[in-house]
Amino acid sequence: MPQTIPNTTVAAPLVPASGSSKRYTFAINAKGRSNSVAVNVNAAYGSTALVYQVDRTGDNMTVVPIDITTAAGLTALANGVSKTGTAVQVSGIPKSDGTFNASLIKYFTAPK
């Protein structure tokens, strides 16, 4: 059953996972916690996480779906989670090694 880690921010940017194509990882920090959690992202067609960019300007909010199976979409995600402190919301499956397999990623272009 997927779980959501609330109130998180980017701790380390998206990088390719070692020894694997179409798999990436980035780290998040939950509010009030000092240890980061590695988030595994699969960009393979049919197995990819759902990714949304959330833009907020004043009272207006725009949600844009990002297709990370394409080079442009993967670049958008990498740019979206490139800065430490960027607000993100991740849902997925926790693994026994302490990492998290993402099924849904929302990154925010302005403070939540």
PDB file of N, CA and C in Angstrom:
ATOM      1  N   MET A   1       0.842  -1.181   0.000  1.00  0.00           N
ATOM      2  CA  MET A   1       0.000   0.000   0.000  1.00  0.00           C
ATOM      3  C   MET A   1       0.886   1.242   0.000  1.00  0.00           C
ATOM      4  N   PRO A   2       0.713   2.133  -0.985  1.00  0.00           N
ATOM      5  CA  PRO A   2       1.520   3.353  -1.009  1.00  0.00           C
ATOM      6  C   PRO A   2       1.270   4.224   0.223  1.00  0.00           C
ATOM      7  N   GLN A   3       2.318   4.874   0.663  1.00  0.00           N
ATOM      8  CA  GLN A   3       2.249   5.802   1.777  1.00  0.00           C
ATOM      9  C   GLN A   3       2.774   7.153   1.309  1.00  0.00           C
ATOM     10  N   THR A   4       2.288   8.224   1.941  1.00  0.00           N
ATOM     11  CA  THR A   4       2.746   9.572   1.619  1.00  0.00           C
ATOM     12  C   THR A   4       3.619  10.075   2.752  1.00  0.00           C
ATOM     13  N   ILE A   5       4.753  10.638   2.396  1.00  0.00           N
ATOM     14  CA  ILE A   5       5.608  11.283   3.392  1.00  0.00           C
ATOM     15  C   ILE A   5       5.247  12.768   3.358  1.00  0.00           C
ATOM     16  N   PRO A   6       4.617  13.283   4.424  1.00  0.00           N
ATOM     17  CA  PRO A   6       4.157  14.676   4.410  1.00  0.00           C
ATOM     18  C   PRO A   6       5.282  15.671   4.698  1.00  0.00           C
ATOM     19  N   ASN A   7       5.064  16.904   4.275  1.00  0.00           N
ATOM     20  CA  ASN A   7       5.953  18.029   4.603  1.00  0.00           C
ATOM     21  C   ASN A   7       7.421  17.727   4.322  1.00  0.00           C
ATOM     22  N   THR A   8       7.734  17.427   3.072  1.00  0.00           N
ATOM     23  CA  THR A   8       9.113  17.110   2.729  1.00  0.00           C
ATOM     24  C   THR A   8       9.716  18.159   1.808  1.00  0.00           C
ATOM     25  N   THR A   9      11.043  18.208   1.833  1.00  0.00           N
ATOM     26  CA  THR A   9      11.794  19.075   0.945  1.00  0.00           C
ATOM     27  C   THR A   9      12.940  18.272   0.338  1.00  0.00           C
ATOM     28  N   VAL A  10      13.447  18.751  -0.776  1.00  0.00           N
ATOM     29  CA  VAL A  10      14.567  18.093  -1.438  1.00  0.00           C
ATOM     30  C   VAL A  10      15.822  18.245  -0.584  1.00  0.00           C
ATOM     31  N   ALA A  11      16.515  17.116  -0.362  1.00  0.00           N
ATOM     32  CA  ALA A  11      17.780  17.132   0.372  1.00  0.00           C
ATOM     33  C   ALA A  11      18.967  16.947  -0.572  1.00  0.00           C
ATOM     34  N   ALA A  12      18.759  16.230  -1.678  1.00  0.00           N
ATOM     35  CA  ALA A  12      19.804  16.011  -2.682  1.00  0.00           C
ATOM     36  C   ALA A  12      19.117  15.849  -4.037  1.00  0.00           C
ATOM     37  N   PRO A  13      19.721  16.368  -5.108  1.00  0.00           N
ATOM     38  CA  PRO A  13      19.081  16.358  -6.429  1.00  0.00           C
ATOM     39  C   PRO A  13      18.991  14.970  -7.056  1.00  0.00           C
ATOM     40  N   LEU A  14      18.198  14.896  -8.118  1.00  0.00           N
ATOM     41  CA  LEU A  14      18.003  13.666  -8.879  1.00  0.00           C
ATOM     42  C   LEU A  14      19.295  13.281  -9.600  1.00  0.00           C
ATOM     43  N   VAL A  15      19.694  12.015  -9.426  1.00  0.00           N
ATOM     44  CA  VAL A  15      20.879  11.485 -10.108  1.00  0.00           C
ATOM     45  C   VAL A  15      20.555  10.075 -10.603  1.00  0.00           C
ATOM     46  N   PRO A  16      21.267   9.615 -11.643  1.00  0.00           N
ATOM     47  CA  PRO A  16      21.047   8.237 -12.092  1.00  0.00           C
ATOM     48  C   PRO A  16      21.436   7.238 -11.000  1.00  0.00           C
ATOM     49  N   ALA A  17      20.636   6.188 -10.858  1.00  0.00           N
ATOM     50  CA  ALA A  17      20.965   5.126  -9.903  1.00  0.00           C
ATOM     51  C   ALA A  17      22.134   4.333 -10.470  1.00  0.00           C
ATOM     52  N   SER A  18      23.005   3.874  -9.609  1.00  0.00           N
ATOM     53  CA  SER A  18      24.188   3.166 -10.089  1.00  0.00           C
ATOM     54  C   SER A  18      23.809   1.851 -10.768  1.00  0.00           C
ATOM     55  N   GLY A  19      24.410   1.624 -11.924  1.00  0.00           N
ATOM     56  CA  GLY A  19      24.245   0.372 -12.632  1.00  0.00           C
ATOM     57  C   GLY A  19      22.890   0.119 -13.260  1.00  0.00           C
ATOM     58  N   SER A  20      22.087   1.147 -13.442  1.00  0.00           N
ATOM     59  CA  SER A  20      20.745   0.913 -13.957  1.00  0.00           C
ATOM     60  C   SER A  20      20.302   2.061 -14.851  1.00  0.00           C
ATOM     61  N   SER A  21      19.823   1.711 -16.042  1.00  0.00           N
ATOM     62  CA  SER A  21      19.260   2.757 -16.887  1.00  0.00           C
ATOM     63  C   SER A  21      17.785   2.924 -16.544  1.00  0.00           C
ATOM     64  N   LYS A  22      17.286   4.107 -16.757  1.00  0.00           N
ATOM     65  CA  LYS A  22      15.875   4.443 -16.495  1.00  0.00           C
ATOM     66  C   LYS A  22      15.521   4.448 -15.014  1.00  0.00           C
ATOM     67  N   ARG A  23      16.496   4.353 -14.134  1.00  0.00           N
ATOM     68  CA  ARG A  23      16.244   4.439 -12.692  1.00  0.00           C
ATOM     69  C   ARG A  23      17.085   5.578 -12.120  1.00  0.00           C
ATOM     70  N   TYR A  24      16.441   6.343 -11.255  1.00  0.00           N
ATOM     71  CA  TYR A  24      17.070   7.532 -10.698  1.00  0.00           C
ATOM     72  C   TYR A  24      16.764   7.588  -9.207  1.00  0.00           C
ATOM     73  N   THR A  25      17.460   8.463  -8.516  1.00  0.00           N
ATOM     74  CA  THR A  25      17.216   8.631  -7.089  1.00  0.00           C
ATOM     75  C   THR A  25      17.442  10.090  -6.699  1.00  0.00           C
ATOM     76  N   PHE A  26      16.703  10.542  -5.701  1.00  0.00           N
ATOM     77  CA  PHE A  26      16.968  11.824  -5.061  1.00  0.00           C
ATOM     78  C   PHE A  26      16.612  11.658  -3.593  1.00  0.00           C
ATOM     79  N   ALA A  27      17.013  12.599  -2.769  1.00  0.00           N
ATOM     80  CA  ALA A  27      16.783  12.474  -1.323  1.00  0.00           C
ATOM     81  C   ALA A  27      15.860  13.580  -0.847  1.00  0.00           C
ATOM     82  N   ILE A  28      15.053  13.233   0.162  1.00  0.00           N
ATOM     83  CA  ILE A  28      14.138  14.203   0.765  1.00  0.00           C
ATOM     84  C   ILE A  28      14.335  14.210   2.275  1.00  0.00           C
ATOM     85  N   ASN A  29      13.963  15.328   2.878  1.00  0.00           N
ATOM     86  CA  ASN A  29      13.926  15.463   4.334  1.00  0.00           C
ATOM     87  C   ASN A  29      12.499  15.735   4.754  1.00  0.00           C
ATOM     88  N   ALA A  30      12.032  15.014   5.748  1.00  0.00           N
ATOM     89  CA  ALA A  30      10.721  15.294   6.318  1.00  0.00           C
ATOM     90  C   ALA A  30      10.887  16.398   7.364  1.00  0.00           C
ATOM     91  N   LYS A  31       9.890  17.254   7.465  1.00  0.00           N
ATOM     92  CA  LYS A  31       9.946  18.369   8.418  1.00  0.00           C
ATOM     93  C   LYS A  31      10.202  17.833   9.825  1.00  0.00           C
ATOM     94  N   GLY A  32      11.184  18.425  10.496  1.00  0.00           N
ATOM     95  CA  GLY A  32      11.501  18.046  11.858  1.00  0.00           C
ATOM     96  C   GLY A  32      12.422  16.842  11.973  1.00  0.00           C
ATOM     97  N   ARG A  33      12.857  16.284  10.864  1.00  0.00           N
ATOM     98  CA  ARG A  33      13.750  15.116  10.877  1.00  0.00           C
ATOM     99  C   ARG A  33      15.122  15.523  10.361  1.00  0.00           C
ATOM    100  N   SER A  34      16.163  14.899  10.897  1.00  0.00           N
ATOM    101  CA  SER A  34      17.518  15.230  10.451  1.00  0.00           C
ATOM    102  C   SER A  34      18.040  14.259   9.403  1.00  0.00           C
ATOM    103  N   ASN A  35      17.508  13.042   9.341  1.00  0.00           N
ATOM    104  CA  ASN A  35      17.974  12.060   8.368  1.00  0.00           C
ATOM    105  C   ASN A  35      17.173  12.157   7.075  1.00  0.00           C
ATOM    106  N   SER A  36      17.868  12.109   5.941  1.00  0.00           N
ATOM    107  CA  SER A  36      17.179  12.135   4.662  1.00  0.00           C
ATOM    108  C   SER A  36      16.768  10.723   4.257  1.00  0.00           C
ATOM    109  N   VAL A  37      15.819  10.656   3.343  1.00  0.00           N
ATOM    110  CA  VAL A  37      15.320   9.391   2.813  1.00  0.00           C
ATOM    111  C   VAL A  37      15.567   9.385   1.310  1.00  0.00           C
ATOM    112  N   ALA A  38      16.148   8.311   0.796  1.00  0.00           N
ATOM    113  CA  ALA A  38      16.371   8.184  -0.644  1.00  0.00           C
ATOM    114  C   ALA A  38      15.062   7.776  -1.314  1.00  0.00           C
ATOM    115  N   VAL A  39      14.738   8.475  -2.396  1.00  0.00           N
ATOM    116  CA  VAL A  39      13.540   8.185  -3.176  1.00  0.00           C
ATOM    117  C   VAL A  39      13.986   7.593  -4.508  1.00  0.00           C
ATOM    118  N   ASN A  40      13.526   6.386  -4.808  1.00  0.00           N
ATOM    119  CA  ASN A  40      13.839   5.722  -6.065  1.00  0.00           C
ATOM    120  C   ASN A  40      12.770   6.068  -7.090  1.00  0.00           C
ATOM    121  N   VAL A  41      13.213   6.460  -8.291  1.00  0.00           N
ATOM    122  CA  VAL A  41      12.302   6.868  -9.353  1.00  0.00           C
ATOM    123  C   VAL A  41      12.570   6.001 -10.578  1.00  0.00           C
ATOM    124  N   ASN A  42      11.530   5.347 -11.073  1.00  0.00           N
ATOM    125  CA  ASN A  42      11.638   4.527 -12.277  1.00  0.00           C
ATOM    126  C   ASN A  42      11.073   5.329 -13.443  1.00  0.00           C
ATOM    127  N   ALA A  43      11.869   5.500 -14.498  1.00  0.00           N
ATOM    128  CA  ALA A  43      11.428   6.265 -15.659  1.00  0.00           C
ATOM    129  C   ALA A  43      11.131   5.364 -16.858  1.00  0.00           C
ATOM    130  N   ALA A  44      11.047   4.059 -16.627  1.00  0.00           N
ATOM    131  CA  ALA A  44      10.756   3.125 -17.721  1.00  0.00           C
ATOM    132  C   ALA A  44       9.273   3.168 -18.064  1.00  0.00           C
ATOM    133  N   TYR A  45       8.981   3.187 -19.354  1.00  0.00           N
ATOM    134  CA  TYR A  45       7.598   3.219 -19.818  1.00  0.00           C
ATOM    135  C   TYR A  45       6.821   2.051 -19.209  1.00  0.00           C
ATOM    136  N   GLY A  46       5.657   2.339 -18.635  1.00  0.00           N
ATOM    137  CA  GLY A  46       4.812   1.320 -18.018  1.00  0.00           C
ATOM    138  C   GLY A  46       5.094   1.099 -16.540  1.00  0.00           C
ATOM    139  N   SER A  47       6.213   1.601 -16.055  1.00  0.00           N
ATOM    140  CA  SER A  47       6.573   1.421 -14.641  1.00  0.00           C
ATOM    141  C   SER A  47       6.882   2.732 -13.949  1.00  0.00           C
ATOM    142  N   THR A  48       6.667   3.828 -14.630  1.00  0.00           N
ATOM    143  CA  THR A  48       7.093   5.128 -14.136  1.00  0.00           C
ATOM    144  C   THR A  48       6.182   5.672 -13.034  1.00  0.00           C
ATOM    145  N   ALA A  49       6.775   6.519 -12.217  1.00  0.00           N
ATOM    146  CA  ALA A  49       6.000   7.247 -11.215  1.00  0.00           C
ATOM    147  C   ALA A  49       5.203   8.355 -11.904  1.00  0.00           C
ATOM    148  N   LEU A  50       4.065   8.704 -11.345  1.00  0.00           N
ATOM    149  CA  LEU A  50       3.323   9.871 -11.802  1.00  0.00           C
ATOM    150  C   LEU A  50       4.013  11.099 -11.234  1.00  0.00           C
ATOM    151  N   VAL A  51       4.248  12.095 -12.076  1.00  0.00           N
ATOM    152  CA  VAL A  51       4.959  13.298 -11.637  1.00  0.00           C
ATOM    153  C   VAL A  51       4.140  14.518 -12.035  1.00  0.00           C
ATOM    154  N   TYR A  52       4.018  15.447 -11.088  1.00  0.00           N
ATOM    155  CA  TYR A  52       3.283  16.692 -11.337  1.00  0.00           C
ATOM    156  C   TYR A  52       4.099  17.873 -10.844  1.00  0.00           C
ATOM    157  N   GLN A  53       4.129  18.921 -11.659  1.00  0.00           N
ATOM    158  CA  GLN A  53       4.701  20.207 -11.257  1.00  0.00           C
ATOM    159  C   GLN A  53       3.539  21.070 -10.794  1.00  0.00           C
ATOM    160  N   VAL A  54       3.641  21.612  -9.593  1.00  0.00           N
ATOM    161  CA  VAL A  54       2.572  22.448  -9.042  1.00  0.00           C
ATOM    162  C   VAL A  54       3.091  23.885  -8.965  1.00  0.00           C
ATOM    163  N   ASP A  55       2.465  24.745  -9.764  1.00  0.00           N
ATOM    164  CA  ASP A  55       2.821  26.163  -9.789  1.00  0.00           C
ATOM    165  C   ASP A  55       1.778  26.947  -9.012  1.00  0.00           C
ATOM    166  N   ARG A  56       2.237  27.772  -8.107  1.00  0.00           N
ATOM    167  CA  ARG A  56       1.316  28.596  -7.331  1.00  0.00           C
ATOM    168  C   ARG A  56       1.722  30.058  -7.446  1.00  0.00           C
ATOM    169  N   THR A  57       0.767  30.878  -7.862  1.00  0.00           N
ATOM    170  CA  THR A  57       0.958  32.323  -7.927  1.00  0.00           C
ATOM    171  C   THR A  57      -0.235  32.959  -7.258  1.00  0.00           C
ATOM    172  N   GLY A  58      -0.023  33.548  -6.086  1.00  0.00           N
ATOM    173  CA  GLY A  58      -1.130  34.131  -5.332  1.00  0.00           C
ATOM    174  C   GLY A  58      -2.166  33.077  -5.018  1.00  0.00           C
ATOM    175  N   ASP A  59      -3.399  33.310  -5.428  1.00  0.00           N
ATOM    176  CA  ASP A  59      -4.475  32.356  -5.180  1.00  0.00           C
ATOM    177  C   ASP A  59      -4.665  31.375  -6.331  1.00  0.00           C
ATOM    178  N   ASN A  60      -3.846  31.466  -7.358  1.00  0.00           N
ATOM    179  CA  ASN A  60      -3.980  30.587  -8.518  1.00  0.00           C
ATOM    180  C   ASN A  60      -2.992  29.429  -8.442  1.00  0.00           C
ATOM    181  N   MET A  61      -3.476  28.228  -8.746  1.00  0.00           N
ATOM    182  CA  MET A  61      -2.636  27.052  -8.743  1.00  0.00           C
ATOM    183  C   MET A  61      -2.818  26.324 -10.070  1.00  0.00           C
ATOM    184  N   THR A  62      -1.693  25.923 -10.649  1.00  0.00           N
ATOM    185  CA  THR A  62      -1.702  25.161 -11.891  1.00  0.00           C
ATOM    186  C   THR A  62      -0.940  23.876 -11.663  1.00  0.00           C
ATOM    187  N   VAL A  63      -1.534  22.761 -12.049  1.00  0.00           N
ATOM    188  CA  VAL A  63      -0.890  21.455 -11.916  1.00  0.00           C
ATOM    189  C   VAL A  63      -0.599  20.943 -13.321  1.00  0.00           C
ATOM    190  N   VAL A  64       0.678  20.647 -13.561  1.00  0.00           N
ATOM    191  CA  VAL A  64       1.119  20.212 -14.891  1.00  0.00           C
ATOM    192  C   VAL A  64       1.666  18.791 -14.791  1.00  0.00           C
ATOM    193  N   PRO A  65       1.085  17.841 -15.540  1.00  0.00           N
ATOM    194  CA  PRO A  65       1.636  16.480 -15.527  1.00  0.00           C
ATOM    195  C   PRO A  65       2.969  16.451 -16.289  1.00  0.00           C
ATOM    196  N   ILE A  66       3.919  15.691 -15.782  1.00  0.00           N
ATOM    197  CA  ILE A  66       5.238  15.566 -16.391  1.00  0.00           C
ATOM    198  C   ILE A  66       5.454  14.098 -16.771  1.00  0.00           C
ATOM    199  N   ASP A  67       5.741  13.847 -18.035  1.00  0.00           N
ATOM    200  CA  ASP A  67       5.993  12.491 -18.526  1.00  0.00           C
ATOM    201  C   ASP A  67       7.489  12.220 -18.457  1.00  0.00           C
ATOM    202  N   ILE A  68       7.929  11.519 -17.426  1.00  0.00           N
ATOM    203  CA  ILE A  68       9.365  11.295 -17.250  1.00  0.00           C
ATOM    204  C   ILE A  68       9.901  10.141 -18.090  1.00  0.00           C
ATOM    205  N   THR A  69       9.059   9.562 -18.949  1.00  0.00           N
ATOM    206  CA  THR A  69       9.577   8.568 -19.897  1.00  0.00           C
ATOM    207  C   THR A  69      10.231   9.254 -21.096  1.00  0.00           C
ATOM    208  N   THR A  70      10.054  10.583 -21.204  1.00  0.00           N
ATOM    209  CA  THR A  70      10.691  11.352 -22.279  1.00  0.00           C
ATOM    210  C   THR A  70      11.880  12.122 -21.724  1.00  0.00           C
ATOM    211  N   ALA A  71      12.810  12.464 -22.602  1.00  0.00           N
ATOM    212  CA  ALA A  71      13.979  13.232 -22.178  1.00  0.00           C
ATOM    213  C   ALA A  71      13.570  14.592 -21.619  1.00  0.00           C
ATOM    214  N   ALA A  72      12.590  15.244 -22.265  1.00  0.00           N
ATOM    215  CA  ALA A  72      12.131  16.557 -21.795  1.00  0.00           C
ATOM    216  C   ALA A  72      11.481  16.455 -20.412  1.00  0.00           C
ATOM    217  N   GLY A  73      10.682  15.417 -20.207  1.00  0.00           N
ATOM    218  CA  GLY A  73      10.030  15.236 -18.916  1.00  0.00           C
ATOM    219  C   GLY A  73      11.023  14.919 -17.812  1.00  0.00           C
ATOM    220  N   LEU A  74      12.005  14.076 -18.117  1.00  0.00           N
ATOM    221  CA  LEU A  74      13.025  13.738 -17.129  1.00  0.00           C
ATOM    222  C   LEU A  74      13.851  14.964 -16.771  1.00  0.00           C
ATOM    223  N   THR A  75      14.140  15.798 -17.772  1.00  0.00           N
ATOM    224  CA  THR A  75      14.859  17.046 -17.518  1.00  0.00           C
ATOM    225  C   THR A  75      14.027  17.980 -16.649  1.00  0.00           C
ATOM    226  N   ALA A  76      12.723  18.052 -16.900  1.00  0.00           N
ATOM    227  CA  ALA A  76      11.839  18.895 -16.077  1.00  0.00           C
ATOM    228  C   ALA A  76      11.851  18.430 -14.628  1.00  0.00           C
ATOM    229  N   LEU A  77      11.784  17.112 -14.396  1.00  0.00           N
ATOM    230  CA  LEU A  77      11.837  16.601 -13.019  1.00  0.00           C
ATOM    231  C   LEU A  77      13.188  16.919 -12.394  1.00  0.00           C
ATOM    232  N   ALA A  78      14.265  16.664 -13.126  1.00  0.00           N
ATOM    233  CA  ALA A  78      15.603  16.936 -12.596  1.00  0.00           C
ATOM    234  C   ALA A  78      15.748  18.403 -12.211  1.00  0.00           C
ATOM    235  N   ASN A  79      15.248  19.304 -13.065  1.00  0.00           N
ATOM    236  CA  ASN A  79      15.301  20.737 -12.753  1.00  0.00           C
ATOM    237  C   ASN A  79      14.403  21.074 -11.568  1.00  0.00           C
ATOM    238  N   GLY A  80      13.248  20.414 -11.486  1.00  0.00           N
ATOM    239  CA  GLY A  80      12.291  20.695 -10.415  1.00  0.00           C
ATOM    240  C   GLY A  80      12.772  20.288  -9.039  1.00  0.00           C
ATOM    241  N   VAL A  81      13.592  19.237  -8.974  1.00  0.00           N
ATOM    242  CA  VAL A  81      14.086  18.776  -7.676  1.00  0.00           C
ATOM    243  C   VAL A  81      15.592  18.998  -7.543  1.00  0.00           C
ATOM    244  N   SER A  82      16.107  20.005  -8.243  1.00  0.00           N
ATOM    245  CA  SER A  82      17.551  20.259  -8.231  1.00  0.00           C
ATOM    246  C   SER A  82      18.011  21.104  -7.046  1.00  0.00           C
ATOM    247  N   LYS A  83      17.101  21.848  -6.444  1.00  0.00           N
ATOM    248  CA  LYS A  83      17.487  22.757  -5.367  1.00  0.00           C
ATOM    249  C   LYS A  83      17.112  22.207  -4.000  1.00  0.00           C
ATOM    250  N   THR A  84      18.086  22.161  -3.118  1.00  0.00           N
ATOM    251  CA  THR A  84      17.829  21.755  -1.745  1.00  0.00           C
ATOM    252  C   THR A  84      16.798  22.698  -1.141  1.00  0.00           C
ATOM    253  N   GLY A  85      15.811  22.134  -0.468  1.00  0.00           N
ATOM    254  CA  GLY A  85      14.776  22.937   0.171  1.00  0.00           C
ATOM    255  C   GLY A  85      13.503  23.075  -0.637  1.00  0.00           C
ATOM    256  N   THR A  86      13.515  22.633  -1.911  1.00  0.00           N
ATOM    257  CA  THR A  86      12.299  22.681  -2.721  1.00  0.00           C
ATOM    258  C   THR A  86      11.234  21.778  -2.102  1.00  0.00           C
ATOM    259  N   ALA A  87      10.021  22.290  -1.967  1.00  0.00           N
ATOM    260  CA  ALA A  87       8.926  21.502  -1.394  1.00  0.00           C
ATOM    261  C   ALA A  87       8.503  20.410  -2.362  1.00  0.00           C
ATOM    262  N   VAL A  88       8.383  19.185  -1.844  1.00  0.00           N
ATOM    263  CA  VAL A  88       7.924  18.044  -2.630  1.00  0.00           C
ATOM    264  C   VAL A  88       6.964  17.218  -1.784  1.00  0.00           C
ATOM    265  N   GLN A  89       6.122  16.474  -2.461  1.00  0.00           N
ATOM    266  CA  GLN A  89       5.281  15.488  -1.782  1.00  0.00           C
ATOM    267  C   GLN A  89       5.467  14.177  -2.524  1.00  0.00           C
ATOM    268  N   VAL A  90       5.841  13.141  -1.798  1.00  0.00           N
ATOM    269  CA  VAL A  90       6.132  11.849  -2.402  1.00  0.00           C
ATOM    270  C   VAL A  90       5.235  10.793  -1.790  1.00  0.00           C
ATOM    271  N   SER A  91       4.629   9.981  -2.659  1.00  0.00           N
ATOM    272  CA  SER A  91       3.885   8.809  -2.217  1.00  0.00           C
ATOM    273  C   SER A  91       4.535   7.596  -2.861  1.00  0.00           C
ATOM    274  N   GLY A  92       4.565   6.493  -2.150  1.00  0.00           N
ATOM    275  CA  GLY A  92       5.168   5.296  -2.707  1.00  0.00           C
ATOM    276  C   GLY A  92       5.243   4.175  -1.698  1.00  0.00           C
ATOM    277  N   ILE A  93       6.084   3.219  -2.029  1.00  0.00           N
ATOM    278  CA  ILE A  93       6.229   2.007  -1.223  1.00  0.00           C
ATOM    279  C   ILE A  93       7.556   2.064  -0.473  1.00  0.00           C
ATOM    280  N   PRO A  94       7.511   2.017   0.878  1.00  0.00           N
ATOM    281  CA  PRO A  94       8.754   1.955   1.638  1.00  0.00           C
ATOM    282  C   PRO A  94       9.405   0.580   1.465  1.00  0.00           C
ATOM    283  N   LYS A  95      10.739   0.564   1.363  1.00  0.00           N
ATOM    284  CA  LYS A  95      11.477  -0.683   1.220  1.00  0.00           C
ATOM    285  C   LYS A  95      12.212  -1.006   2.512  1.00  0.00           C
ATOM    286  N   SER A  96      12.581  -2.248   2.667  1.00  0.00           N
ATOM    287  CA  SER A  96      13.237  -2.695   3.897  1.00  0.00           C
ATOM    288  C   SER A  96      14.616  -2.064   4.090  1.00  0.00           C
ATOM    289  N   ASP A  97      15.239  -1.564   3.006  1.00  0.00           N
ATOM    290  CA  ASP A  97      16.552  -0.932   3.139  1.00  0.00           C
ATOM    291  C   ASP A  97      16.470   0.547   3.530  1.00  0.00           C
ATOM    292  N   GLY A  98      15.241   1.043   3.792  1.00  0.00           N
ATOM    293  CA  GLY A  98      15.060   2.426   4.230  1.00  0.00           C
ATOM    294  C   GLY A  98      14.796   3.400   3.098  1.00  0.00           C
ATOM    295  N   THR A  99      14.821   2.931   1.851  1.00  0.00           N
ATOM    296  CA  THR A  99      14.514   3.795   0.723  1.00  0.00           C
ATOM    297  C   THR A  99      13.026   3.732   0.422  1.00  0.00           C
ATOM    298  N   PHE A 100      12.606   4.490  -0.557  1.00  0.00           N
ATOM    299  CA  PHE A 100      11.193   4.655  -0.860  1.00  0.00           C
ATOM    300  C   PHE A 100      11.024   4.579  -2.365  1.00  0.00           C
ATOM    301  N   ASN A 101      10.231   3.660  -2.894  1.00  0.00           N
ATOM    302  CA  ASN A 101       9.950   3.587  -4.328  1.00  0.00           C
ATOM    303  C   ASN A 101       8.773   4.497  -4.645  1.00  0.00           C
ATOM    304  N   ALA A 102       9.037   5.565  -5.391  1.00  0.00           N
ATOM    305  CA  ALA A 102       8.013   6.571  -5.664  1.00  0.00           C
ATOM    306  C   ALA A 102       6.959   6.068  -6.643  1.00  0.00           C
ATOM    307  N   SER A 103       5.699   6.336  -6.319  1.00  0.00           N
ATOM    308  CA  SER A 103       4.610   6.087  -7.266  1.00  0.00           C
ATOM    309  C   SER A 103       3.977   7.422  -7.683  1.00  0.00           C
ATOM    310  N   LEU A 104       4.165   8.461  -6.862  1.00  0.00           N
ATOM    311  CA  LEU A 104       3.645   9.796  -7.145  1.00  0.00           C
ATOM    312  C   LEU A 104       4.612  10.826  -6.580  1.00  0.00           C
ATOM    313  N   ILE A 105       4.982  11.785  -7.418  1.00  0.00           N
ATOM    314  CA  ILE A 105       5.856  12.884  -6.984  1.00  0.00           C
ATOM    315  C   ILE A 105       5.206  14.189  -7.407  1.00  0.00           C
ATOM    316  N   LYS A 106       5.036  15.096  -6.455  1.00  0.00           N
ATOM    317  CA  LYS A 106       4.595  16.456  -6.758  1.00  0.00           C
ATOM    318  C   LYS A 106       5.698  17.400  -6.275  1.00  0.00           C
ATOM    319  N   TYR A 107       6.164  18.249  -7.165  1.00  0.00           N
ATOM    320  CA  TYR A 107       7.137  19.255  -6.731  1.00  0.00           C
ATOM    321  C   TYR A 107       6.541  20.637  -6.965  1.00  0.00           C
ATOM    322  N   PHE A 108       6.847  21.516  -6.046  1.00  0.00           N
ATOM    323  CA  PHE A 108       6.204  22.827  -5.984  1.00  0.00           C
ATOM    324  C   PHE A 108       7.191  23.910  -6.403  1.00  0.00           C
ATOM    325  N   THR A 109       6.751  24.806  -7.287  1.00  0.00           N
ATOM    326  CA  THR A 109       7.617  25.878  -7.768  1.00  0.00           C
ATOM    327  C   THR A 109       7.571  27.101  -6.864  1.00  0.00           C
ATOM    328  N   ALA A 110       6.693  27.105  -5.893  1.00  0.00           N
ATOM    329  CA  ALA A 110       6.598  28.171  -4.886  1.00  0.00           C
ATOM    330  C   ALA A 110       6.290  27.492  -3.561  1.00  0.00           C
ATOM    331  N   PRO A 111       6.524  28.148  -2.441  1.00  0.00           N
ATOM    332  CA  PRO A 111       6.257  27.527  -1.141  1.00  0.00           C
ATOM    333  C   PRO A 111       4.839  26.993  -1.038  1.00  0.00           C
ATOM    334  N   LYS A 112       4.711  25.799  -0.436  1.00  0.00           N
ATOM    335  CA  LYS A 112       3.397  25.189  -0.225  1.00  0.00           C
ATOM    336  C   LYS A 112       2.615  25.967   0.804  1.00  0.00           C
TER     337      LYS A 112
END
